[in-house]
Amino acid sequence: MLKGNKGDWSELYVFTKLLAEGKLYQSDINLNRDEDNYYEITKAYREESNSILEFERNSEISIYRIEKSNRVFLGHLSVDYFLGKSNDILNGIINGKGKSFEIESVNDFIDETKIQKLTALVTSKSDIKLRIYDHRLSKETDLGFSIKSLLGQDSTLFNTGPGNNFIFEIENDLKTSIDEFNRETYKPLGGMSKITARLHKINSELGLKIKFKEVQSKQLWRNLKMIDGDLPEVLAYALLYRWLYREASLLKISKILEEKDPLNFYNGDKSDQKLYEYKLKRFLAECAMGMTSETPWHGIYDATGGVIIAKKDGDIVCFHIYDFNLFREYLINNTMFEQPSTGEDEDNPGYLRTTKGTKKYYYGWLYEENDKLYFKINLQIRFK
């Protein structure tokens, strides 16, 4: 029987519920469905290892297997059956325990539908493929959508990795040893993060300059440049301000960037263009459409329909690619910087923790390399 985490099961939930309801509603900026703006679903597809399962929705749901040029009828199932099983999946997600779990009440459904896996193929950036009747074009269209699930826990928009560290060079006038600096700032008072404490000490107490040097992953750097030539620097200062100002919200950080203008876009002039905010919005949208850290990003969307969001209450809404401005507004209003494990040795601050199973992100302390001082900040973004 199939097992998966909450995100994996969410893909099957969205697939099953949309087929049952036959409608995909457009979202407003607050994730409320627009009852007057929806797309009719006539088919849904599941890519298996060597074939495609096609689910055709009429008065009932007909299932076909497409292998090469052959389309073979497998059977009918009722719409009510799909609706009931979507509720079973939802309850299973909400009550699921552990990183991976089974939902026993849908084992019969999985057998009857011939579904072999919970998620889309790793080679596809779209999580679900639908045939919808588009009222704007007055025709049926096959579209792929990315799925973001808010069920059970907050969803990550941009996953971290060892290469997601943004490296800053620190003016080399520390006047103390690096080891002493890292030890003294490892457990700051008042609930302040050690990252904030260290950057405050460097920036405010010692008055040393902090200058962005590079992104640790060359592939991530290229992906960011593909989206916008200024994006590596914009994200670097967004991360720096995130810790200096103890503010995780992407929207609030964008406002700080607009005020501070670290890249001197405005040259002291007043402007209503909001260049920093726009560049961050573009980054967030590309993440939602499939961009990751280490896979080369070509700016081509497999999720050509847009993004489907499974809300915490089980409702499902979408942002169609026609309404991308609305989607960008939603993203910047509902995302925040996450703090992955630093991987620092608690008994020896400023050095790597060697415990088995430790996440190897290794950032957040001062270190020396070729007689120069550096500080790394890791990038991960999740929904609020």
Protein backbone atom coordinates (compact mmCIF):
# COMPACT_ATOMS: atom_id res chain seq x y z
CA MET A 1 0.00 0.00 0.00
CA LEU A 2 1.08 3.58 -0.64
CA LYS A 3 2.72 5.71 2.05
CA GLY A 4 3.76 9.35 2.00
CA ASN A 5 4.05 12.59 3.92
CA LYS A 6 1.34 15.24 4.15
CA GLY A 7 2.56 16.99 1.02
CA ASP A 8 2.52 13.72 -0.95
CA TRP A 9 -1.01 12.87 0.16
CA SER A 10 -2.10 16.42 -0.61
CA GLU A 11 -1.45 15.82 -4.32
CA LEU A 12 -3.83 12.85 -4.32
CA TYR A 13 -6.35 14.84 -2.26
CA VAL A 14 -6.39 17.72 -4.74
CA PHE A 15 -6.68 15.30 -7.66
CA THR A 16 -9.59 13.38 -6.09
CA LYS A 17 -11.53 16.38 -4.77
CA LEU A 18 -11.29 18.35 -8.01
CA LEU A 19 -12.58 15.40 -10.02
CA ALA A 20 -15.43 14.99 -7.54
CA GLU A 21 -16.43 18.67 -7.58
CA GLY A 22 -15.74 19.30 -11.26
CA LYS A 23 -14.77 22.93 -10.65
CA LEU A 24 -11.55 24.75 -9.87
CA TYR A 25 -12.23 28.14 -8.29
CA GLN A 26 -10.08 31.22 -8.73
CA SER A 27 -8.67 32.72 -5.51
CA ASP A 28 -8.54 36.29 -4.32
CA ILE A 29 -5.48 37.68 -2.54
CA ASN A 30 -6.72 36.25 0.79
CA LEU A 31 -7.26 32.70 -0.52
CA ASN A 32 -11.03 33.09 -0.62
CA ARG A 33 -12.67 31.36 -3.57
CA ASP A 34 -14.34 33.56 -6.16
CA GLU A 35 -17.72 31.87 -6.63
CA ASP A 36 -18.22 33.59 -10.00
CA ASN A 37 -14.81 32.74 -11.42
CA TYR A 38 -14.05 29.07 -11.92
CA TYR A 39 -12.88 26.52 -14.47
CA GLU A 40 -14.85 23.39 -15.33
CA ILE A 41 -12.82 20.19 -15.11
CA THR A 42 -13.53 17.61 -17.79
CA LYS A 43 -10.47 15.38 -17.39
CA ALA A 44 -7.53 14.77 -15.09
CA TYR A 45 -4.36 12.83 -15.80
CA ARG A 46 -1.94 10.77 -13.69
CA GLU A 47 1.49 10.04 -15.12
CA GLU A 48 2.67 6.59 -14.08
CA SER A 49 6.06 5.05 -14.81
CA ASN A 50 5.17 3.59 -18.22
CA SER A 51 1.69 4.91 -18.92
CA ILE A 52 -0.85 7.66 -18.29
CA LEU A 53 -4.10 7.24 -16.39
CA GLU A 54 -6.89 9.39 -17.80
CA PHE A 55 -9.94 10.22 -15.70
CA GLU A 56 -12.85 11.56 -17.75
CA ARG A 57 -15.61 13.35 -15.82
CA ASN A 58 -19.22 13.22 -16.98
CA SER A 59 -22.16 11.90 -14.94
CA GLU A 60 -19.57 9.46 -13.60
CA ILE A 61 -15.82 9.18 -13.83
CA SER A 62 -14.41 6.89 -16.51
CA ILE A 63 -10.86 5.63 -16.18
CA TYR A 64 -8.55 4.84 -19.10
CA ARG A 65 -4.95 3.69 -19.34
CA ILE A 66 -2.94 5.24 -22.19
CA GLU A 67 0.17 3.34 -23.13
CA LYS A 68 1.98 4.38 -26.30
CA SER A 69 -0.89 4.79 -28.79
CA ASN A 70 -3.36 2.51 -27.01
CA ARG A 71 -6.22 3.86 -24.87
CA VAL A 72 -7.76 1.08 -22.79
CA PHE A 73 -10.97 1.48 -20.76
CA LEU A 74 -10.52 0.33 -17.14
CA GLY A 75 -13.89 1.08 -15.56
CA HIS A 76 -16.37 3.60 -14.12
CA LEU A 77 -16.58 5.04 -10.62
CA SER A 78 -19.22 7.41 -9.25
CA VAL A 79 -18.65 11.06 -8.49
CA ASP A 80 -20.00 10.49 -4.97
CA TYR A 81 -17.40 7.77 -4.44
CA PHE A 82 -14.61 10.20 -5.36
CA LEU A 83 -16.10 12.84 -3.05
CA GLY A 84 -16.24 10.41 -0.13
CA LYS A 85 -12.67 9.27 -0.71
CA SER A 86 -11.44 12.88 -0.93
CA ASN A 87 -12.87 13.41 2.57
CA ASP A 88 -11.11 10.24 3.75
CA ILE A 89 -7.81 11.51 2.36
CA LEU A 90 -8.30 14.91 4.00
CA ASN A 91 -8.98 13.34 7.39
CA GLY A 92 -6.00 11.06 6.92
CA ILE A 93 -3.72 14.02 6.21
CA ILE A 94 -4.95 15.97 9.22
CA ASN A 95 -4.56 12.99 11.55
CA GLY A 96 -1.47 11.48 9.95
CA LYS A 97 1.49 10.84 12.25
CA GLY A 98 5.18 10.73 11.41
CA LYS A 99 7.07 11.72 8.28
CA SER A 100 5.44 9.00 6.19
CA PHE A 101 2.14 7.24 6.80
CA GLU A 102 -0.58 5.16 5.19
CA ILE A 103 -4.28 6.05 4.98
CA GLU A 104 -5.98 2.69 5.28
CA SER A 105 -9.46 3.96 4.40
CA VAL A 106 -8.37 4.76 0.83
CA ASN A 107 -6.51 1.55 0.01
CA ASP A 108 -9.56 0.27 -1.88
CA PHE A 109 -9.76 3.54 -3.83
CA ILE A 110 -6.10 3.31 -4.83
CA ASP A 111 -6.63 -0.26 -6.01
CA GLU A 112 -9.76 0.56 -8.01
CA THR A 113 -8.24 3.61 -9.71
CA LYS A 114 -4.98 1.76 -10.54
CA ILE A 115 -2.95 4.63 -9.06
CA GLN A 116 0.60 3.46 -8.32
CA LYS A 117 2.10 6.51 -6.62
CA LEU A 118 1.01 9.60 -4.72
CA THR A 119 3.02 12.30 -6.48
CA ALA A 120 3.84 13.44 -9.99
CA LEU A 121 6.98 12.21 -11.71
CA VAL A 122 10.13 13.99 -10.51
CA THR A 123 10.81 15.00 -14.13
CA SER A 124 7.62 17.08 -14.22
CA LYS A 125 7.40 20.51 -12.58
CA SER A 126 3.59 20.37 -12.69
CA ASP A 127 2.02 18.38 -9.88
CA ILE A 128 -1.32 17.85 -11.58
CA LYS A 129 -2.54 17.94 -15.16
CA LEU A 130 -6.14 18.87 -15.92
CA ARG A 131 -8.32 19.46 -18.92
CA ILE A 132 -10.43 22.48 -18.16
CA TYR A 133 -13.08 24.38 -20.03
CA ASP A 134 -11.75 27.92 -20.14
CA HIS A 135 -14.60 30.42 -20.38
CA ARG A 136 -12.18 33.19 -21.36
CA LEU A 137 -11.12 31.26 -24.47
CA SER A 138 -14.38 29.31 -24.87
CA LYS A 139 -12.49 26.05 -25.37
CA GLU A 140 -11.05 23.07 -23.52
CA THR A 141 -7.35 23.19 -22.68
CA ASP A 142 -4.93 20.75 -21.07
CA LEU A 143 -2.99 22.58 -18.36
CA GLY A 144 -0.47 21.64 -15.71
CA PHE A 145 -0.64 23.18 -12.23
CA SER A 146 1.77 23.30 -9.33
CA ILE A 147 0.23 22.30 -5.98
CA LYS A 148 1.03 24.03 -2.71
CA SER A 149 -0.49 22.44 0.37
CA LEU A 150 -1.21 24.22 3.63
CA LEU A 151 -2.74 21.09 5.16
CA GLY A 152 -1.37 19.97 8.48
CA GLN A 153 1.63 22.28 8.60
CA ASP A 154 3.16 25.30 6.92
CA SER A 155 4.40 24.55 3.43
CA THR A 156 7.88 25.39 2.21
CA LEU A 157 7.99 27.55 -0.92
CA PHE A 158 11.77 27.42 -1.45
CA ASN A 159 13.64 24.54 0.14
CA THR A 160 17.05 24.99 1.65
CA GLY A 161 20.21 23.11 0.77
CA PRO A 162 23.95 23.21 1.43
CA GLY A 163 24.44 25.61 -1.49
CA ASN A 164 21.79 28.11 -0.33
CA ASN A 165 24.30 30.01 1.80
CA PHE A 166 24.85 33.65 0.92
CA ILE A 167 28.43 34.58 1.81
CA PHE A 168 29.31 38.00 3.20
CA GLU A 169 32.82 39.38 3.61
CA ILE A 170 33.49 41.18 6.89
CA GLU A 171 35.99 44.00 7.19
CA ASN A 172 39.00 42.37 8.88
CA ASP A 173 39.42 44.52 11.97
CA LEU A 174 37.94 42.26 14.62
CA LYS A 175 40.40 43.10 17.45
CA THR A 176 39.63 39.76 19.10
CA SER A 177 39.99 36.12 18.15
CA ILE A 178 37.33 34.52 15.97
CA ASP A 179 36.94 31.70 18.48
CA GLU A 180 36.29 34.17 21.29
CA PHE A 181 33.79 36.11 19.15
CA ASN A 182 31.78 32.96 18.30
CA ARG A 183 31.80 31.68 21.90
CA GLU A 184 30.66 35.00 23.39
CA THR A 185 27.78 35.34 20.94
CA TYR A 186 26.59 31.72 20.85
CA LYS A 187 23.92 32.09 23.55
CA PRO A 188 22.83 35.75 23.67
CA LEU A 189 20.50 37.06 26.37
CA GLY A 190 16.89 38.12 25.88
CA GLY A 191 15.87 35.39 23.45
CA MET A 192 17.82 36.95 20.60
CA SER A 193 19.03 34.60 17.88
CA LYS A 194 22.78 34.00 17.81
CA ILE A 195 22.73 35.05 14.13
CA THR A 196 21.16 38.39 15.02
CA ALA A 197 23.51 38.84 18.00
CA ARG A 198 26.58 38.19 15.88
CA LEU A 199 25.53 40.44 13.02
CA HIS A 200 24.58 43.21 15.48
CA LYS A 201 27.96 42.95 17.15
CA ILE A 202 29.76 43.07 13.81
CA ASN A 203 27.65 45.87 12.39
CA SER A 204 26.74 48.06 15.38
CA GLU A 205 29.17 47.39 18.23
CA LEU A 206 32.33 46.88 16.20
CA GLY A 207 31.28 49.06 13.27
CA LEU A 208 32.67 46.64 10.69
CA LYS A 209 31.46 46.67 7.10
CA ILE A 210 29.41 43.70 5.87
CA LYS A 211 29.62 43.24 2.11
CA PHE A 212 27.93 40.56 0.02
CA LYS A 213 30.49 38.39 -1.78
CA GLU A 214 28.75 35.44 -3.48
CA VAL A 215 26.20 32.64 -3.36
CA GLN A 216 27.75 29.36 -2.30
CA SER A 217 25.99 27.41 -5.07
CA LYS A 218 27.00 28.54 -8.54
CA GLN A 219 23.87 26.90 -9.94
CA LEU A 220 21.61 28.83 -7.58
CA TRP A 221 23.45 32.02 -8.51
CA ARG A 222 22.81 31.31 -12.22
CA ASN A 223 19.15 30.52 -11.55
CA LEU A 224 18.73 33.82 -9.72
CA LYS A 225 20.50 35.73 -12.49
CA MET A 226 18.17 34.04 -14.98
CA ILE A 227 15.20 35.63 -13.23
CA ASP A 228 16.77 39.04 -12.61
CA GLY A 229 20.36 40.23 -12.83
CA ASP A 230 20.11 42.03 -9.47
CA LEU A 231 18.43 39.17 -7.63
CA PRO A 232 21.50 37.63 -5.91
CA GLU A 233 22.31 40.98 -4.32
CA VAL A 234 18.66 41.78 -3.51
CA LEU A 235 18.21 38.45 -1.73
CA ALA A 236 21.55 38.84 0.04
CA TYR A 237 20.52 42.14 1.61
CA ALA A 238 17.02 40.80 2.29
CA LEU A 239 18.62 38.00 4.33
CA LEU A 240 20.98 40.40 6.07
CA TYR A 241 18.13 42.73 7.06
CA ARG A 242 16.02 39.75 8.08
CA TRP A 243 18.48 39.13 10.94
CA LEU A 244 19.59 42.67 11.69
CA TYR A 245 15.98 43.85 12.06
CA ARG A 246 14.62 40.55 13.45
CA GLU A 247 11.89 40.49 10.81
CA ALA A 248 10.99 37.33 8.88
CA SER A 249 8.10 38.61 6.72
CA LEU A 250 9.01 39.00 3.04
CA LEU A 251 6.62 41.94 2.72
CA LYS A 252 8.12 43.81 5.67
CA ILE A 253 11.66 43.05 4.50
CA SER A 254 10.79 44.44 1.07
CA LYS A 255 9.74 47.69 2.74
CA ILE A 256 13.03 47.86 4.64
CA LEU A 257 14.90 47.32 1.38
CA GLU A 258 12.94 50.11 -0.26
CA GLU A 259 13.83 52.43 2.61
CA LYS A 260 17.52 51.48 2.90
CA ASP A 261 18.13 51.09 -0.86
CA PRO A 262 21.36 49.09 -0.40
CA LEU A 263 21.91 48.73 -4.17
CA ASN A 264 21.33 52.45 -4.74
CA PHE A 265 18.55 51.93 -7.27
CA TYR A 266 17.04 55.31 -6.44
CA ASN A 267 20.23 57.32 -5.92
CA GLY A 268 18.59 59.34 -3.17
CA ASP A 269 15.52 60.18 -5.26
CA LYS A 270 11.94 59.33 -4.40
CA SER A 271 10.28 56.70 -6.55
CA ASP A 272 7.03 54.75 -6.50
CA GLN A 273 8.35 51.88 -8.63
CA LYS A 274 9.27 49.59 -5.69
CA LEU A 275 12.08 47.82 -7.50
CA TYR A 276 13.07 45.63 -4.55
CA GLU A 277 9.51 44.47 -3.96
CA TYR A 278 8.99 43.67 -7.64
CA LYS A 279 12.20 41.63 -7.87
CA LEU A 280 11.29 39.66 -4.74
CA LYS A 281 7.83 38.99 -6.15
CA ARG A 282 9.35 37.61 -9.34
CA PHE A 283 11.61 35.34 -7.32
CA LEU A 284 8.72 34.01 -5.23
CA ALA A 285 6.60 33.35 -8.31
CA GLU A 286 9.40 31.45 -10.07
CA CYS A 287 9.87 29.33 -6.93
CA ALA A 288 6.16 28.51 -6.93
CA MET A 289 6.35 27.55 -10.59
CA GLY A 290 9.15 25.07 -10.10
CA MET A 291 12.52 26.75 -9.66
CA THR A 292 14.84 25.00 -7.19
CA SER A 293 18.40 25.57 -6.02
CA GLU A 294 20.38 23.00 -7.94
CA THR A 295 18.39 22.20 -11.08
CA PRO A 296 19.14 24.56 -13.99
CA TRP A 297 16.19 26.92 -14.41
CA HIS A 298 15.30 27.94 -17.95
CA GLY A 299 12.31 30.10 -17.12
CA ILE A 300 9.94 27.68 -18.83
CA TYR A 301 6.83 26.78 -16.88
CA ASP A 302 5.65 23.19 -16.92
CA ALA A 303 2.87 24.34 -14.61
CA THR A 304 1.33 26.35 -17.42
CA GLY A 305 -2.05 26.75 -15.75
CA GLY A 306 -0.80 28.32 -12.55
CA VAL A 307 -0.82 27.24 -8.93
CA ILE A 308 -3.41 25.31 -6.93
CA ILE A 309 -3.48 25.80 -3.17
CA ALA A 310 -4.99 23.28 -0.76
CA LYS A 311 -6.05 25.38 2.21
CA LYS A 312 -5.93 24.35 5.85
CA ASP A 313 -9.70 23.81 5.90
CA GLY A 314 -9.53 21.52 2.86
CA ASP A 315 -10.90 24.03 0.37
CA ILE A 316 -9.04 24.23 -2.95
CA VAL A 317 -8.45 27.41 -4.95
CA CYS A 318 -6.11 28.44 -7.74
CA PHE A 319 -4.21 31.35 -9.16
CA HIS A 320 -4.40 31.07 -12.93
CA ILE A 321 -1.45 32.29 -14.95
CA TYR A 322 -3.77 34.96 -16.38
CA ASP A 323 -3.88 36.48 -12.89
CA PHE A 324 -0.18 36.33 -12.07
CA ASN A 325 -0.10 39.82 -10.58
CA LEU A 326 -2.67 38.69 -8.01
CA PHE A 327 -0.61 35.58 -7.32
CA ARG A 328 2.57 37.62 -6.75
CA GLU A 329 0.70 39.83 -4.29
CA TYR A 330 -0.49 36.77 -2.42
CA LEU A 331 3.02 35.33 -2.25
CA ILE A 332 4.76 38.39 -0.86
CA ASN A 333 1.97 38.89 1.68
CA ASN A 334 2.06 35.29 2.89
CA THR A 335 5.68 34.15 2.96
CA MET A 336 8.51 34.43 5.44
CA PHE A 337 12.17 33.49 5.84
CA GLU A 338 12.71 30.20 7.63
CA GLN A 339 15.72 29.32 9.79
CA PRO A 340 17.14 25.89 8.97
CA SER A 341 19.50 24.18 11.40
CA THR A 342 22.85 25.95 11.37
CA GLY A 343 24.87 22.79 12.01
CA GLU A 344 27.08 24.54 14.55
CA ASP A 345 28.81 22.55 17.29
CA GLU A 346 27.28 23.58 20.61
CA ASP A 347 30.39 22.50 22.50
CA ASN A 348 32.73 24.26 20.11
CA PRO A 349 30.95 27.33 18.64
CA GLY A 350 32.14 28.38 15.21
CA TYR A 351 32.87 24.83 14.09
CA LEU A 352 30.86 22.14 12.31
CA ARG A 353 28.76 19.76 14.33
CA THR A 354 29.80 16.24 13.41
CA THR A 355 26.85 14.36 14.94
CA LYS A 356 25.48 11.71 12.60
CA GLY A 357 22.41 12.86 10.71
CA THR A 358 23.18 16.57 11.09
CA LYS A 359 21.86 18.74 8.26
CA LYS A 360 24.89 20.12 6.48
CA TYR A 361 23.90 23.76 5.98
CA TYR A 362 26.72 25.13 8.18
CA TYR A 363 26.14 28.86 8.44
CA GLY A 364 25.62 31.59 11.01
CA TRP A 365 29.09 32.09 12.51
CA LEU A 366 32.22 34.07 11.76
CA TYR A 367 35.07 32.24 10.04
CA GLU A 368 38.38 33.00 8.36
CA GLU A 369 39.58 31.96 4.92
CA ASN A 370 42.73 33.20 3.18
CA ASP A 371 43.20 35.88 5.87
CA LYS A 372 39.69 37.27 5.27
CA LEU A 373 36.62 37.11 7.50
CA TYR A 374 33.30 35.75 6.27
CA PHE A 375 29.76 35.10 7.48
CA LYS A 376 27.15 32.85 5.83
CA ILE A 377 23.35 33.20 5.90
CA ASN A 378 21.14 30.41 4.59
CA LEU A 379 18.06 30.94 2.39
CA GLN A 380 14.80 29.07 2.96
CA ILE A 381 11.27 30.46 2.50
CA ARG A 382 7.95 29.06 3.67
CA PHE A 383 4.35 30.10 3.81
CA LYS A 384 3.14 31.73 7.01
